[in-house]
Protein backbone atom coordinates (compact mmCIF):
# COMPACT_ATOMS: atom_id res chain seq x y z
CA MET A 1 -20.17 -1.03 -28.59
CA THR A 2 -22.18 1.87 -30.01
CA GLY A 3 -23.68 4.19 -27.44
CA LYS A 4 -21.41 3.05 -24.62
CA HIS A 5 -18.40 4.81 -23.14
CA GLN A 6 -15.11 3.01 -23.66
CA ASN A 7 -13.51 2.08 -20.33
CA ARG A 8 -9.96 3.34 -20.63
CA LEU A 9 -8.88 2.62 -17.06
CA ASN A 10 -10.06 -0.82 -15.93
CA ASP A 11 -12.23 -3.83 -16.73
CA LEU A 12 -15.12 -2.99 -14.40
CA ASP A 13 -18.68 -2.42 -15.50
CA GLY A 14 -20.52 0.79 -14.65
CA ARG A 15 -22.10 -0.56 -11.46
CA GLU A 16 -18.76 -1.84 -10.13
CA TRP A 17 -17.11 1.49 -11.00
CA LEU A 18 -19.80 3.51 -9.22
CA TYR A 19 -19.60 1.35 -6.08
CA TRP A 20 -15.86 1.92 -5.81
CA THR A 21 -16.17 5.73 -5.90
CA ASP A 22 -17.72 5.76 -2.41
CA THR A 23 -15.25 7.57 -0.14
CA LEU A 24 -16.08 5.22 2.74
CA TYR A 25 -14.40 1.86 2.26
CA ILE A 26 -15.22 -0.65 4.99
CA THR A 27 -13.94 -4.19 4.49
CA THR A 28 -14.13 -7.40 6.52
CA TYR A 29 -11.24 -9.47 5.22
CA PRO A 30 -9.89 -11.92 7.82
CA PRO A 31 -6.17 -12.77 7.96
CA ASP A 32 -5.23 -14.83 4.91
CA ALA A 33 -3.04 -17.94 4.72
CA THR A 34 0.15 -15.89 4.41
CA HIS A 35 -0.61 -13.77 7.48
CA PRO A 36 1.50 -15.79 9.96
CA LEU A 37 4.56 -14.94 7.85
CA ARG A 38 3.65 -11.41 6.82
CA LYS A 39 2.64 -10.27 10.31
CA GLN A 40 6.32 -10.10 11.25
CA HIS A 41 6.37 -6.81 9.32
CA GLY A 42 3.64 -5.16 11.38
CA ALA A 43 2.13 -2.97 8.67
CA MET A 44 0.93 -5.46 6.09
CA LYS A 45 -2.32 -5.01 4.19
CA PRO A 46 -4.82 -7.72 3.20
CA PRO A 47 -3.97 -8.91 -0.33
CA GLU A 48 -7.70 -8.87 -1.09
CA VAL A 49 -7.87 -5.12 -0.39
CA MET A 50 -4.84 -4.50 -2.58
CA ALA A 51 -6.45 -6.61 -5.31
CA GLU A 52 -9.60 -4.44 -5.23
CA ILE A 53 -7.53 -1.26 -5.54
CA ILE A 54 -5.50 -2.79 -8.37
CA ARG A 55 -8.60 -3.89 -10.26
CA PHE A 56 -9.90 -0.32 -10.28
CA PHE A 57 -6.70 1.38 -11.42
CA THR A 58 -5.50 -1.14 -14.03
CA LYS A 59 -6.66 -3.45 -16.75
CA LYS A 60 -5.77 -7.14 -16.75
CA ASP A 61 -2.09 -7.79 -17.55
CA GLU A 62 -1.01 -4.18 -16.82
CA LEU A 63 2.04 -3.79 -14.58
CA VAL A 64 1.64 -2.62 -10.98
CA LEU A 65 4.65 -1.08 -9.21
CA ASP A 66 5.09 -0.83 -5.42
CA PRO A 67 8.25 1.09 -4.43
CA PHE A 68 7.67 0.38 -0.69
CA ALA A 69 6.80 -3.29 -1.06
CA GLY A 70 7.43 -4.56 2.49
CA VAL A 71 6.41 -8.23 2.65
CA GLY A 72 4.64 -8.05 -0.68
CA GLY A 73 0.96 -7.37 0.02
CA THR A 74 0.59 -5.36 -3.19
CA LEU A 75 2.34 -8.07 -5.20
CA LEU A 76 0.03 -10.71 -3.75
CA GLY A 77 -2.97 -8.50 -4.52
CA ALA A 78 -1.74 -8.10 -8.10
CA ALA A 79 -1.51 -11.88 -8.43
CA LEU A 80 -5.11 -12.23 -7.22
CA ALA A 81 -6.16 -9.59 -9.76
CA GLY A 82 -4.25 -11.19 -12.64
CA ARG A 83 -1.71 -8.37 -13.02
CA PRO A 84 2.09 -8.57 -13.24
CA SER A 85 3.84 -6.67 -10.49
CA LEU A 86 7.19 -5.30 -9.41
CA GLY A 87 8.15 -4.34 -5.87
CA PHE A 88 11.14 -2.57 -4.34
CA GLU A 89 12.12 -3.21 -0.71
CA LEU A 90 15.09 -1.91 1.27
CA ASP A 91 15.05 -4.42 4.14
CA PRO A 92 16.32 -7.93 3.28
CA ARG A 93 14.15 -9.42 6.05
CA TRP A 94 10.96 -8.52 4.24
CA VAL A 95 12.31 -9.58 0.86
CA ALA A 96 13.12 -13.00 2.33
CA ILE A 97 9.59 -13.37 3.73
CA TYR A 98 8.01 -12.52 0.38
CA ARG A 99 10.25 -14.98 -1.44
CA ALA A 100 9.36 -17.68 1.10
CA ILE A 101 5.69 -16.99 0.36
CA GLN A 102 6.40 -17.24 -3.35
CA SER A 103 8.02 -20.61 -2.79
CA ASP A 104 5.38 -22.12 -0.49
CA PHE A 105 2.08 -20.61 -1.70
CA ILE A 106 0.05 -20.51 -4.91
CA ILE A 107 -3.32 -19.17 -6.05
CA ALA A 108 -6.00 -21.85 -6.32
CA ASN A 109 -9.66 -21.06 -7.01
CA GLY A 110 -9.00 -17.36 -6.52
CA VAL A 111 -7.46 -17.81 -3.05
CA ILE A 112 -3.85 -17.83 -1.85
CA CYS A 113 -3.11 -21.18 -0.22
CA ARG A 114 -0.20 -23.47 0.55
CA ARG A 115 0.95 -25.58 -2.36
CA GLU A 116 0.24 -28.82 -0.54
CA GLU A 117 -3.33 -27.73 0.18
CA ALA A 118 -4.26 -27.10 -3.45
CA VAL A 119 -6.56 -29.83 -4.75
CA ALA A 120 -5.71 -29.47 -8.43
CA GLY A 121 -2.78 -27.29 -9.38
CA GLY A 122 -2.86 -23.52 -9.20
CA GLU A 123 -1.12 -20.38 -10.36
CA PRO A 124 2.32 -19.36 -9.07
CA LEU A 125 2.93 -16.00 -7.38
CA THR A 126 4.99 -14.33 -10.08
CA GLY A 127 5.37 -10.77 -8.75
CA GLU A 128 9.02 -9.70 -8.80
CA MET A 129 10.66 -8.26 -5.68
CA ARG A 130 13.91 -6.32 -6.01
CA GLU A 131 15.99 -5.56 -2.94
CA GLY A 132 17.40 -2.05 -2.64
CA ASP A 133 16.66 1.63 -2.16
CA CYS A 134 13.55 2.56 -4.11
CA LEU A 135 14.96 5.89 -5.30
CA SER A 136 17.90 4.17 -6.97
CA LEU A 137 15.75 1.38 -8.38
CA LEU A 138 13.16 3.81 -9.75
CA LYS A 139 15.91 5.55 -11.70
CA GLU A 140 16.56 2.29 -13.55
CA LEU A 141 13.03 2.28 -15.04
CA PRO A 142 12.19 3.99 -18.35
CA SER A 143 10.08 7.13 -18.29
CA ALA A 144 6.31 6.75 -18.77
CA SER A 145 6.57 2.95 -18.59
CA VAL A 146 4.39 2.05 -15.57
CA PRO A 147 0.56 1.96 -15.73
CA ALA A 148 -0.01 2.14 -11.95
CA VAL A 149 1.94 2.76 -8.76
CA ILE A 150 0.16 1.46 -5.66
CA THR A 151 2.05 1.64 -2.40
CA ASP A 152 1.98 1.83 1.39
CA PRO A 153 4.92 4.02 2.48
CA PRO A 154 6.12 4.54 6.08
CA TYR A 155 3.79 6.83 8.03
CA GLY A 156 6.05 9.71 8.94
CA ILE A 157 8.51 9.93 11.81
CA ASN A 158 8.90 8.92 15.46
CA HIS A 159 7.40 5.48 14.97
CA GLY A 160 6.78 3.41 18.04
CA ALA A 161 4.26 2.72 20.76
CA THR A 162 3.75 5.30 23.49
CA GLY A 163 1.67 4.74 26.59
CA PHE A 164 0.84 1.11 25.87
CA SER A 165 3.56 -1.46 25.27
CA LYS A 166 1.42 -3.22 22.66
CA GLU A 167 -0.29 -0.12 21.30
CA THR A 168 0.66 -0.86 17.71
CA ASN A 169 3.08 -3.22 16.06
CA PHE A 170 5.84 -1.15 14.46
CA ASN A 171 8.17 -4.01 13.55
CA MET A 172 8.50 -2.62 10.02
CA LEU A 173 11.24 -0.23 11.19
CA SER A 174 14.77 -0.85 9.93
CA PRO A 175 16.87 1.33 12.27
CA TRP A 176 20.17 0.00 10.90
CA LEU A 177 19.34 0.99 7.30
CA GLU A 178 20.30 4.60 6.69
CA ASN A 179 17.89 5.12 3.79
CA ASP A 180 14.81 3.88 5.65
CA LEU A 181 12.19 6.58 5.10
CA GLY A 182 10.73 5.85 8.53
CA ARG A 183 13.98 7.12 10.09
CA ALA A 184 13.43 10.70 8.92
CA PRO A 185 14.38 13.03 11.81
CA ASP A 186 11.33 15.26 11.45
CA LEU A 187 8.18 15.71 9.42
CA PRO A 188 9.62 18.24 6.91
CA SER A 189 12.51 15.85 6.20
CA PHE A 190 10.08 12.96 5.72
CA LEU A 191 7.90 14.93 3.31
CA GLY A 192 10.94 16.25 1.44
CA ARG A 193 12.34 12.77 0.90
CA LEU A 194 8.92 11.50 -0.12
CA GLN A 195 8.74 14.29 -2.69
CA GLU A 196 12.12 13.24 -4.08
CA ILE A 197 10.84 9.69 -4.49
CA GLY A 198 7.53 11.03 -5.80
CA GLN A 199 9.28 12.88 -8.60
CA GLU A 200 10.78 9.61 -9.82
CA ILE A 201 7.40 7.90 -9.49
CA ARG A 202 5.85 10.64 -11.60
CA ARG A 203 8.57 10.23 -14.22
CA VAL A 204 8.02 6.48 -14.64
CA LEU A 205 4.21 6.67 -14.47
CA MET A 206 2.33 6.81 -17.75
CA PRO A 207 0.45 10.07 -18.48
CA GLY A 208 -3.10 10.03 -17.19
CA ARG A 209 -2.44 7.15 -14.79
CA TYR A 210 -2.53 6.95 -11.00
CA LEU A 211 -0.36 6.89 -7.93
CA VAL A 212 -2.35 5.37 -5.06
CA MET A 213 -0.90 5.71 -1.55
CA LEU A 214 -2.16 4.18 1.69
CA VAL A 215 -1.26 6.58 4.49
CA GLY A 216 -2.33 6.49 8.11
CA ASP A 217 -2.75 9.61 10.22
CA ARG A 218 -0.79 9.99 13.45
CA TYR A 219 -1.24 11.37 16.96
CA GLN A 220 1.93 12.83 18.41
CA GLN A 221 2.76 15.10 21.34
CA GLY A 222 -0.90 15.67 22.15
CA GLU A 223 -1.92 16.68 18.62
CA TYR A 224 -3.56 14.96 15.66
CA VAL A 225 -1.28 14.86 12.62
CA PRO A 226 -3.33 14.56 9.38
CA LEU A 227 -0.47 12.81 7.61
CA GLY A 228 -2.62 11.66 4.73
CA PHE A 229 -3.47 15.21 3.71
CA LEU A 230 0.11 16.40 4.31
CA VAL A 231 1.40 13.68 1.98
CA ALA A 232 -1.27 14.53 -0.61
CA GLN A 233 -0.23 18.19 -0.50
CA ALA A 234 3.44 17.24 -0.85
CA MET A 235 2.59 15.22 -3.96
CA ARG A 236 0.56 18.12 -5.37
CA GLU A 237 3.59 20.36 -4.99
CA ILE A 238 5.60 18.14 -7.35
CA GLY A 239 2.91 18.03 -10.03
CA PHE A 240 0.39 15.32 -9.13
CA LYS A 241 -3.31 16.11 -9.16
CA PHE A 242 -5.07 15.05 -5.95
CA LYS A 243 -8.20 13.39 -7.28
CA GLY A 244 -9.70 12.22 -4.01
CA LEU A 245 -9.42 9.66 -1.25
CA LYS A 246 -11.11 6.68 0.32
CA ILE A 247 -11.30 6.22 4.08
CA TRP A 248 -10.50 2.57 4.67
CA SER A 249 -11.02 0.41 7.73
CA ASN A 250 -10.87 -3.39 7.85
CA LYS A 251 -13.23 -4.54 10.62
CA ALA A 252 -11.88 -8.08 10.74
CA THR A 253 -8.38 -7.03 11.80
CA ARG A 254 -9.05 -3.68 13.46
CA ARG A 255 -7.43 -3.49 16.87
CA HIS A 256 -9.45 -2.99 20.03
CA LEU A 257 -10.07 0.55 21.21
CA LYS A 258 -7.58 1.80 23.82
CA PRO A 259 -8.61 4.01 26.78
CA TYR A 260 -6.36 6.93 25.89
CA ALA A 261 -6.77 9.73 28.49
CA ILE A 262 -10.25 8.44 29.30
CA LYS A 263 -12.36 10.84 31.41
CA SER A 264 -9.69 13.47 30.89
CA VAL A 265 -9.27 14.78 27.33
CA PHE A 266 -10.24 13.58 23.86
CA VAL A 267 -7.65 11.35 22.20
CA PRO A 268 -8.77 9.47 19.08
CA ASN A 269 -8.38 5.80 18.38
CA ILE A 270 -7.19 5.95 14.78
CA THR A 271 -8.78 2.91 13.17
CA HIS A 272 -8.79 4.08 9.56
CA GLN A 273 -6.27 4.73 6.83
CA ASN A 274 -6.39 7.14 3.92
CA ILE A 275 -6.21 5.81 0.39
CA LEU A 276 -4.86 8.82 -1.52
CA ILE A 277 -5.63 8.91 -5.22
CA LEU A 278 -3.23 11.04 -7.27
CA ARG A 279 -3.01 11.36 -11.06
CA LYS A 280 -0.27 12.32 -13.47
CA GLU A 281 -1.84 14.89 -15.79
């Protein structure tokens, strides 16, 4: 391959690589076949989006770790991308949903579908889900053993709808589980605990590889909370390099705009999420 740069990160060609560096990331993925099960969580991501992220930050057959796995969107995305995956999840409800999906669905012709709907065979969903506190489970992994960590952690504190009973679905909360990160009493506590987990993530991540975090901003007590940038800064403080972000919005599943304080004061409808890209250097 004389005269060409060796691609050390992924299997994309130059055009595909360049396209993915755009900081605006607008997708149109409709709910997939597993959505009726996964929607019980309330903060699931399209497996196709997770697959695109995974394809950029790994090569085929490299392990992807998600320490906040929820109902397994990252693991499903890894399966679509042809990567092995490992997820940690505290809440047994979400583990059970993922395992039900594993049992009832396969990948056929590049799409996740029910086993009985596959015309001719298919590939099983092999991503492993381990139930337990991610901090404890991370400590069981060898140092510098994971090529990529791609995750969607809880978005700060004081979850729940205010003003509109169906403002947002926050069913992912686990109020009876003491170690649920979403139960942090305040923002400093949330960021401090995330840093503790981040230190273990940095330990298990291979040098030169990436932690990718999907983090939504918040609006609380009349003020915009740029949670994505606060999380990025917290990760910088423990040694990660903040390499950039992508502003993601999925048009197909984006909720309708709400008339917050209309004709009174400006209140944003937050319809995007931040994809934070952090590197272990």
